[in-house]
Amino acid sequence: MTMSDDVNFSSAMAAFEAKHFSRAMQLFSPIAETGNADAQHRLAIMFQNGLGMARNCDQAVRWMKAAAEQGHPLAQHGMGFMYLEGECTEQNSLEAAKWFRLAAEQGLAGSQTTLAMMYEQGNGVQQDAEEARKWYAKAGF
């Protein structure tokens, strides 16, 4: 990011945190278009939840996936959640497990816990009590 992008990102975050979502959208959009995963993730959240605009599932998935494919752990968790719950996508436990695993491998405790539950239940993965215990332990349980 350039110095100008840093300033714009900081302004966008300030607007987001102050719940000025339409302003945050204006500021995040050009930064997201340059490939910034943090900005893409924030846009996805706003589109997914209708913050500052009408809810838009297509845009939510577009931006969440863009950030997730760059290795952004919260976006990977977000993709896992979308597939697990069938929110903005077709429900697909196999895809959910894939995204949760990517985030879990980066140390995201929420993804580790969800992945452990999926192994415990055999949801999207082969049921495996040992694998479930491993992920629960990594999450601190």
N, C-alpha and C. Protein backbone atom coordinates (compact mmCIF):
# COMPACT_ATOMS: atom_id res chain seq x y z
N MET A 1 0.85 -1.19 0.00
CA MET A 1 0.00 0.00 0.00
C MET A 1 0.88 1.24 0.00
N THR A 2 0.42 2.22 -0.70
CA THR A 2 1.12 3.51 -0.70
C THR A 2 0.71 4.27 0.56
N MET A 3 1.41 5.37 0.82
CA MET A 3 1.08 6.19 1.98
C MET A 3 -0.37 6.69 1.89
N SER A 4 -0.79 7.07 0.69
CA SER A 4 -2.16 7.54 0.46
C SER A 4 -3.16 6.43 0.75
N ASP A 5 -2.85 5.18 0.32
CA ASP A 5 -3.73 4.05 0.60
C ASP A 5 -3.83 3.80 2.11
N ASP A 6 -2.70 3.94 2.82
CA ASP A 6 -2.71 3.77 4.27
C ASP A 6 -3.66 4.77 4.93
N VAL A 7 -3.60 6.01 4.49
CA VAL A 7 -4.46 7.06 5.05
C VAL A 7 -5.92 6.74 4.73
N ASN A 8 -6.19 6.37 3.48
CA ASN A 8 -7.56 6.03 3.09
C ASN A 8 -8.07 4.81 3.84
N PHE A 9 -7.21 3.80 4.02
CA PHE A 9 -7.63 2.61 4.76
C PHE A 9 -7.95 2.98 6.20
N SER A 10 -7.11 3.80 6.82
CA SER A 10 -7.36 4.24 8.20
C SER A 10 -8.68 5.01 8.29
N SER A 11 -8.93 5.87 7.31
CA SER A 11 -10.19 6.62 7.29
C SER A 11 -11.38 5.68 7.11
N ALA A 12 -11.22 4.68 6.24
CA ALA A 12 -12.28 3.71 6.01
C ALA A 12 -12.57 2.91 7.29
N MET A 13 -11.51 2.48 7.98
CA MET A 13 -11.69 1.74 9.23
C MET A 13 -12.38 2.60 10.29
N ALA A 14 -11.99 3.86 10.37
CA ALA A 14 -12.61 4.77 11.33
C ALA A 14 -14.10 4.91 11.03
N ALA A 15 -14.45 5.05 9.76
CA ALA A 15 -15.86 5.16 9.37
C ALA A 15 -16.60 3.87 9.70
N PHE A 16 -15.97 2.71 9.42
CA PHE A 16 -16.59 1.41 9.70
C PHE A 16 -16.86 1.27 11.20
N GLU A 17 -15.85 1.58 12.00
CA GLU A 17 -15.97 1.42 13.46
C GLU A 17 -16.97 2.40 14.05
N ALA A 18 -17.13 3.55 13.40
CA ALA A 18 -18.13 4.53 13.87
C ALA A 18 -19.53 4.22 13.31
N LYS A 19 -19.62 3.10 12.57
CA LYS A 19 -20.89 2.67 11.96
C LYS A 19 -21.39 3.63 10.89
N HIS A 20 -20.47 4.35 10.26
CA HIS A 20 -20.79 5.19 9.10
C HIS A 20 -20.52 4.33 7.87
N PHE A 21 -21.40 3.35 7.65
CA PHE A 21 -21.12 2.31 6.67
C PHE A 21 -21.13 2.80 5.22
N SER A 22 -22.00 3.75 4.88
CA SER A 22 -21.98 4.22 3.49
C SER A 22 -20.66 4.92 3.19
N ARG A 23 -20.14 5.69 4.14
CA ARG A 23 -18.83 6.33 3.97
C ARG A 23 -17.72 5.28 3.91
N ALA A 24 -17.80 4.28 4.78
CA ALA A 24 -16.80 3.20 4.78
C ALA A 24 -16.81 2.50 3.42
N MET A 25 -18.00 2.26 2.87
CA MET A 25 -18.12 1.61 1.57
C MET A 25 -17.40 2.42 0.49
N GLN A 26 -17.63 3.74 0.50
CA GLN A 26 -16.98 4.61 -0.50
C GLN A 26 -15.46 4.54 -0.37
N LEU A 27 -14.97 4.50 0.84
CA LEU A 27 -13.52 4.51 1.07
C LEU A 27 -12.89 3.14 0.82
N PHE A 28 -13.57 2.06 1.24
CA PHE A 28 -13.01 0.72 1.07
C PHE A 28 -13.02 0.25 -0.38
N SER A 29 -14.05 0.63 -1.15
CA SER A 29 -14.21 0.09 -2.51
C SER A 29 -12.97 0.24 -3.39
N PRO A 30 -12.41 1.44 -3.53
CA PRO A 30 -11.23 1.55 -4.41
C PRO A 30 -10.02 0.78 -3.87
N ILE A 31 -9.90 0.69 -2.56
CA ILE A 31 -8.78 -0.04 -1.95
C ILE A 31 -8.96 -1.54 -2.21
N ALA A 32 -10.20 -2.02 -2.08
CA ALA A 32 -10.49 -3.43 -2.35
C ALA A 32 -10.20 -3.77 -3.80
N GLU A 33 -10.53 -2.87 -4.69
CA GLU A 33 -10.30 -3.10 -6.13
C GLU A 33 -8.81 -3.26 -6.44
N THR A 34 -7.93 -2.69 -5.61
CA THR A 34 -6.49 -2.84 -5.83
C THR A 34 -5.97 -4.18 -5.30
N GLY A 35 -6.85 -4.95 -4.63
CA GLY A 35 -6.46 -6.27 -4.13
C GLY A 35 -6.19 -6.34 -2.65
N ASN A 36 -6.52 -5.29 -1.89
CA ASN A 36 -6.28 -5.30 -0.45
C ASN A 36 -7.28 -6.24 0.24
N ALA A 37 -6.77 -7.32 0.81
CA ALA A 37 -7.63 -8.35 1.41
C ALA A 37 -8.43 -7.83 2.61
N ASP A 38 -7.84 -6.96 3.42
CA ASP A 38 -8.57 -6.41 4.57
C ASP A 38 -9.77 -5.59 4.10
N ALA A 39 -9.57 -4.77 3.08
CA ALA A 39 -10.67 -3.96 2.53
C ALA A 39 -11.72 -4.86 1.89
N GLN A 40 -11.27 -5.89 1.19
CA GLN A 40 -12.22 -6.82 0.57
C GLN A 40 -13.07 -7.51 1.63
N HIS A 41 -12.44 -7.92 2.73
CA HIS A 41 -13.17 -8.58 3.82
C HIS A 41 -14.21 -7.65 4.43
N ARG A 42 -13.83 -6.40 4.66
CA ARG A 42 -14.78 -5.43 5.24
C ARG A 42 -15.96 -5.19 4.29
N LEU A 43 -15.67 -5.05 3.00
CA LEU A 43 -16.75 -4.88 2.02
C LEU A 43 -17.69 -6.07 2.06
N ALA A 44 -17.12 -7.27 2.11
CA ALA A 44 -17.94 -8.49 2.15
C ALA A 44 -18.88 -8.47 3.35
N ILE A 45 -18.37 -8.08 4.50
CA ILE A 45 -19.20 -8.02 5.72
C ILE A 45 -20.35 -7.03 5.53
N MET A 46 -20.04 -5.88 4.95
CA MET A 46 -21.09 -4.86 4.76
C MET A 46 -22.14 -5.36 3.77
N PHE A 47 -21.71 -5.98 2.67
CA PHE A 47 -22.68 -6.51 1.70
C PHE A 47 -23.48 -7.67 2.29
N GLN A 48 -22.82 -8.54 3.04
CA GLN A 48 -23.48 -9.71 3.63
C GLN A 48 -24.56 -9.31 4.62
N ASN A 49 -24.31 -8.26 5.37
CA ASN A 49 -25.22 -7.85 6.44
C ASN A 49 -26.07 -6.64 6.10
N GLY A 50 -25.91 -6.10 4.89
CA GLY A 50 -26.69 -4.93 4.50
C GLY A 50 -26.36 -3.71 5.33
N LEU A 51 -25.09 -3.50 5.59
CA LEU A 51 -24.65 -2.35 6.39
C LEU A 51 -24.36 -1.17 5.46
N GLY A 52 -25.18 -0.15 5.53
CA GLY A 52 -24.99 1.04 4.72
C GLY A 52 -25.56 0.93 3.32
N MET A 53 -26.15 -0.21 3.01
CA MET A 53 -26.76 -0.43 1.70
C MET A 53 -27.66 -1.66 1.81
N ALA A 54 -28.37 -1.95 0.73
CA ALA A 54 -29.17 -3.17 0.71
C ALA A 54 -28.23 -4.38 0.72
N ARG A 55 -28.66 -5.43 1.37
CA ARG A 55 -27.88 -6.67 1.40
C ARG A 55 -27.67 -7.15 -0.04
N ASN A 56 -26.46 -7.60 -0.35
CA ASN A 56 -26.15 -8.06 -1.70
C ASN A 56 -25.27 -9.30 -1.59
N CYS A 57 -25.89 -10.46 -1.70
CA CYS A 57 -25.17 -11.73 -1.53
C CYS A 57 -24.11 -11.94 -2.60
N ASP A 58 -24.39 -11.56 -3.84
CA ASP A 58 -23.40 -11.76 -4.90
C ASP A 58 -22.11 -11.00 -4.58
N GLN A 59 -22.26 -9.75 -4.16
CA GLN A 59 -21.08 -8.94 -3.82
C GLN A 59 -20.42 -9.45 -2.54
N ALA A 60 -21.22 -9.93 -1.59
CA ALA A 60 -20.66 -10.48 -0.35
C ALA A 60 -19.75 -11.67 -0.67
N VAL A 61 -20.23 -12.57 -1.51
CA VAL A 61 -19.44 -13.76 -1.87
C VAL A 61 -18.22 -13.34 -2.69
N ARG A 62 -18.43 -12.43 -3.63
CA ARG A 62 -17.32 -11.96 -4.47
C ARG A 62 -16.15 -11.46 -3.63
N TRP A 63 -16.45 -10.57 -2.70
CA TRP A 63 -15.38 -9.95 -1.91
C TRP A 63 -14.83 -10.88 -0.84
N MET A 64 -15.70 -11.69 -0.21
CA MET A 64 -15.23 -12.63 0.80
C MET A 64 -14.27 -13.64 0.16
N LYS A 65 -14.65 -14.13 -1.02
CA LYS A 65 -13.81 -15.12 -1.70
C LYS A 65 -12.49 -14.48 -2.16
N ALA A 66 -12.55 -13.25 -2.65
CA ALA A 66 -11.32 -12.56 -3.09
C ALA A 66 -10.33 -12.46 -1.93
N ALA A 67 -10.81 -12.08 -0.77
CA ALA A 67 -9.93 -11.96 0.40
C ALA A 67 -9.49 -13.35 0.88
N ALA A 68 -10.41 -14.31 0.91
CA ALA A 68 -10.09 -15.66 1.38
C ALA A 68 -9.03 -16.32 0.50
N GLU A 69 -9.13 -16.11 -0.80
CA GLU A 69 -8.16 -16.71 -1.72
C GLU A 69 -6.77 -16.11 -1.56
N GLN A 70 -6.70 -14.93 -0.95
CA GLN A 70 -5.39 -14.32 -0.66
C GLN A 70 -4.84 -14.79 0.68
N GLY A 71 -5.58 -15.66 1.37
CA GLY A 71 -5.10 -16.19 2.64
C GLY A 71 -5.55 -15.41 3.86
N HIS A 72 -6.53 -14.53 3.72
CA HIS A 72 -7.05 -13.75 4.85
C HIS A 72 -7.86 -14.69 5.75
N PRO A 73 -7.37 -14.98 6.97
CA PRO A 73 -8.02 -16.01 7.80
C PRO A 73 -9.48 -15.69 8.16
N LEU A 74 -9.79 -14.43 8.47
CA LEU A 74 -11.18 -14.11 8.81
C LEU A 74 -12.11 -14.27 7.61
N ALA A 75 -11.59 -13.98 6.42
CA ALA A 75 -12.39 -14.18 5.21
C ALA A 75 -12.55 -15.67 4.92
N GLN A 76 -11.51 -16.45 5.17
CA GLN A 76 -11.63 -17.90 5.00
C GLN A 76 -12.68 -18.45 5.95
N HIS A 77 -12.67 -17.97 7.19
CA HIS A 77 -13.70 -18.36 8.16
C HIS A 77 -15.08 -17.93 7.65
N GLY A 78 -15.15 -16.71 7.11
CA GLY A 78 -16.41 -16.21 6.57
C GLY A 78 -16.93 -17.07 5.43
N MET A 79 -16.04 -17.51 4.53
CA MET A 79 -16.46 -18.41 3.45
C MET A 79 -16.94 -19.74 4.02
N GLY A 80 -16.23 -20.25 5.01
CA GLY A 80 -16.66 -21.50 5.66
C GLY A 80 -18.05 -21.36 6.23
N PHE A 81 -18.29 -20.25 6.92
CA PHE A 81 -19.60 -20.00 7.52
C PHE A 81 -20.69 -19.91 6.45
N MET A 82 -20.40 -19.18 5.36
CA MET A 82 -21.39 -19.05 4.28
C MET A 82 -21.78 -20.42 3.74
N TYR A 83 -20.78 -21.27 3.51
CA TYR A 83 -21.07 -22.61 2.98
C TYR A 83 -21.73 -23.51 4.03
N LEU A 84 -21.31 -23.40 5.27
CA LEU A 84 -21.89 -24.24 6.33
C LEU A 84 -23.37 -23.92 6.53
N GLU A 85 -23.69 -22.63 6.55
CA GLU A 85 -25.06 -22.19 6.82
C GLU A 85 -25.90 -22.02 5.57
N GLY A 86 -25.27 -22.07 4.40
CA GLY A 86 -26.01 -21.80 3.17
C GLY A 86 -26.41 -20.33 3.08
N GLU A 87 -25.57 -19.48 3.63
CA GLU A 87 -25.86 -18.03 3.60
C GLU A 87 -25.14 -17.41 2.40
N CYS A 88 -25.92 -16.87 1.48
CA CYS A 88 -25.42 -16.25 0.25
C CYS A 88 -24.84 -17.27 -0.74
N THR A 89 -24.83 -18.54 -0.39
CA THR A 89 -24.35 -19.61 -1.26
C THR A 89 -25.23 -20.83 -1.04
N GLU A 90 -25.06 -21.82 -1.89
CA GLU A 90 -25.68 -23.12 -1.62
C GLU A 90 -24.97 -23.71 -0.41
N GLN A 91 -25.70 -24.36 0.46
CA GLN A 91 -25.09 -25.03 1.61
C GLN A 91 -24.21 -26.15 1.06
N ASN A 92 -22.96 -26.22 1.53
CA ASN A 92 -22.02 -27.22 1.06
C ASN A 92 -21.00 -27.48 2.15
N SER A 93 -21.21 -28.56 2.90
CA SER A 93 -20.33 -28.87 4.04
C SER A 93 -18.90 -29.18 3.63
N LEU A 94 -18.71 -29.77 2.45
CA LEU A 94 -17.34 -30.05 1.98
C LEU A 94 -16.57 -28.75 1.76
N GLU A 95 -17.21 -27.79 1.10
CA GLU A 95 -16.57 -26.48 0.88
C GLU A 95 -16.36 -25.77 2.21
N ALA A 96 -17.33 -25.87 3.11
CA ALA A 96 -17.19 -25.25 4.43
C ALA A 96 -15.96 -25.78 5.14
N ALA A 97 -15.81 -27.10 5.15
CA ALA A 97 -14.67 -27.72 5.84
C ALA A 97 -13.35 -27.25 5.22
N LYS A 98 -13.31 -27.12 3.89
CA LYS A 98 -12.09 -26.66 3.21
C LYS A 98 -11.69 -25.27 3.71
N TRP A 99 -12.65 -24.35 3.75
CA TRP A 99 -12.34 -22.97 4.16
C TRP A 99 -12.02 -22.89 5.65
N PHE A 100 -12.78 -23.63 6.49
CA PHE A 100 -12.49 -23.62 7.93
C PHE A 100 -11.08 -24.17 8.19
N ARG A 101 -10.68 -25.22 7.43
CA ARG A 101 -9.35 -25.80 7.62
C ARG A 101 -8.26 -24.77 7.30
N LEU A 102 -8.43 -24.04 6.21
CA LEU A 102 -7.43 -23.02 5.84
C LEU A 102 -7.27 -21.98 6.94
N ALA A 103 -8.39 -21.52 7.50
CA ALA A 103 -8.31 -20.53 8.58
C ALA A 103 -7.78 -21.17 9.86
N ALA A 104 -8.19 -22.40 10.14
CA ALA A 104 -7.73 -23.10 11.35
C ALA A 104 -6.23 -23.31 11.32
N GLU A 105 -5.70 -23.63 10.14
CA GLU A 105 -4.25 -23.83 10.01
C GLU A 105 -3.47 -22.55 10.25
N GLN A 106 -4.15 -21.41 10.15
CA GLN A 106 -3.50 -20.12 10.45
C GLN A 106 -3.70 -19.72 11.91
N GLY A 107 -4.33 -20.59 12.69
CA GLY A 107 -4.46 -20.35 14.12
C GLY A 107 -5.75 -19.67 14.55
N LEU A 108 -6.73 -19.56 13.67
CA LEU A 108 -7.99 -18.91 14.04
C LEU A 108 -8.82 -19.87 14.90
N ALA A 109 -8.95 -19.55 16.19
CA ALA A 109 -9.58 -20.46 17.16
C ALA A 109 -11.03 -20.80 16.79
N GLY A 110 -11.78 -19.82 16.30
CA GLY A 110 -13.17 -20.09 15.92
C GLY A 110 -13.26 -21.13 14.82
N SER A 111 -12.34 -21.07 13.87
CA SER A 111 -12.31 -22.05 12.79
C SER A 111 -11.84 -23.41 13.30
N GLN A 112 -10.88 -23.40 14.21
CA GLN A 112 -10.41 -24.66 14.79
C GLN A 112 -11.54 -25.37 15.53
N THR A 113 -12.33 -24.61 16.28
CA THR A 113 -13.45 -25.17 17.03
C THR A 113 -14.53 -25.70 16.08
N THR A 114 -14.85 -24.92 15.05
CA THR A 114 -15.87 -25.35 14.10
C THR A 114 -15.41 -26.59 13.36
N LEU A 115 -14.16 -26.62 12.94
CA LEU A 115 -13.62 -27.79 12.25
C LEU A 115 -13.65 -29.01 13.18
N ALA A 116 -13.32 -28.82 14.44
CA ALA A 116 -13.38 -29.92 15.41
C ALA A 116 -14.80 -30.47 15.50
N MET A 117 -15.79 -29.57 15.57
CA MET A 117 -17.19 -30.02 15.63
C MET A 117 -17.58 -30.78 14.37
N MET A 118 -17.08 -30.31 13.23
CA MET A 118 -17.40 -30.99 11.97
C MET A 118 -16.82 -32.40 11.97
N TYR A 119 -15.59 -32.57 12.49
CA TYR A 119 -15.01 -33.91 12.60
C TYR A 119 -15.79 -34.76 13.61
N GLU A 120 -16.20 -34.15 14.69
CA GLU A 120 -16.96 -34.86 15.71
C GLU A 120 -18.28 -35.40 15.13
N GLN A 121 -18.92 -34.59 14.29
CA GLN A 121 -20.24 -34.94 13.74
C GLN A 121 -20.16 -35.64 12.38
N GLY A 122 -18.98 -35.64 11.76
CA GLY A 122 -18.87 -36.17 10.41
C GLY A 122 -19.61 -35.30 9.40
N ASN A 123 -19.52 -34.00 9.60
CA ASN A 123 -20.22 -33.03 8.75
C ASN A 123 -19.24 -32.41 7.77
N GLY A 124 -19.29 -32.86 6.49
CA GLY A 124 -18.39 -32.32 5.47
C GLY A 124 -17.02 -32.98 5.46
N VAL A 125 -16.77 -33.81 6.45
CA VAL A 125 -15.51 -34.55 6.58
C VAL A 125 -15.86 -35.94 7.12
N GLN A 126 -14.93 -36.85 6.97
CA GLN A 126 -15.11 -38.19 7.57
C GLN A 126 -15.11 -38.03 9.09
N GLN A 127 -16.10 -38.62 9.76
CA GLN A 127 -16.13 -38.53 11.23
C GLN A 127 -14.83 -39.11 11.79
N ASP A 128 -14.20 -38.36 12.69
CA ASP A 128 -12.89 -38.75 13.20
C ASP A 128 -12.69 -38.10 14.57
N ALA A 129 -12.91 -38.91 15.62
CA ALA A 129 -12.82 -38.38 17.00
C ALA A 129 -11.41 -37.87 17.32
N GLU A 130 -10.39 -38.54 16.81
CA GLU A 130 -9.01 -38.13 17.08
C GLU A 130 -8.71 -36.78 16.43
N GLU A 131 -9.17 -36.61 15.19
CA GLU A 131 -8.97 -35.34 14.48
C GLU A 131 -9.75 -34.22 15.20
N ALA A 132 -10.95 -34.54 15.69
CA ALA A 132 -11.74 -33.57 16.45
C ALA A 132 -10.98 -33.13 17.70
N ARG A 133 -10.43 -34.10 18.44
CA ARG A 133 -9.67 -33.78 19.66
C ARG A 133 -8.47 -32.89 19.33
N LYS A 134 -7.80 -33.20 18.22
CA LYS A 134 -6.62 -32.41 17.82
C LYS A 134 -7.01 -30.93 17.61
N TRP A 135 -8.11 -30.70 16.88
CA TRP A 135 -8.51 -29.32 16.60
C TRP A 135 -9.06 -28.63 17.84
N TYR A 136 -9.78 -29.36 18.70
CA TYR A 136 -10.23 -28.76 19.96
C TYR A 136 -9.02 -28.34 20.80
N ALA A 137 -8.00 -29.17 20.84
CA ALA A 137 -6.79 -28.86 21.63
C ALA A 137 -6.10 -27.62 21.06
N LYS A 138 -6.01 -27.52 19.74
CA LYS A 138 -5.38 -26.34 19.14
C LYS A 138 -6.17 -25.07 19.47
N ALA A 139 -7.48 -25.22 19.62
CA ALA A 139 -8.33 -24.07 19.94
C ALA A 139 -8.29 -23.74 21.43
N GLY A 140 -7.63 -24.60 22.22
CA GLY A 140 -7.50 -24.32 23.64
C GLY A 140 -8.54 -24.99 24.53
N PHE A 141 -9.21 -26.01 23.99
CA PHE A 141 -10.20 -26.75 24.79
C PHE A 141 -9.61 -27.99 25.37
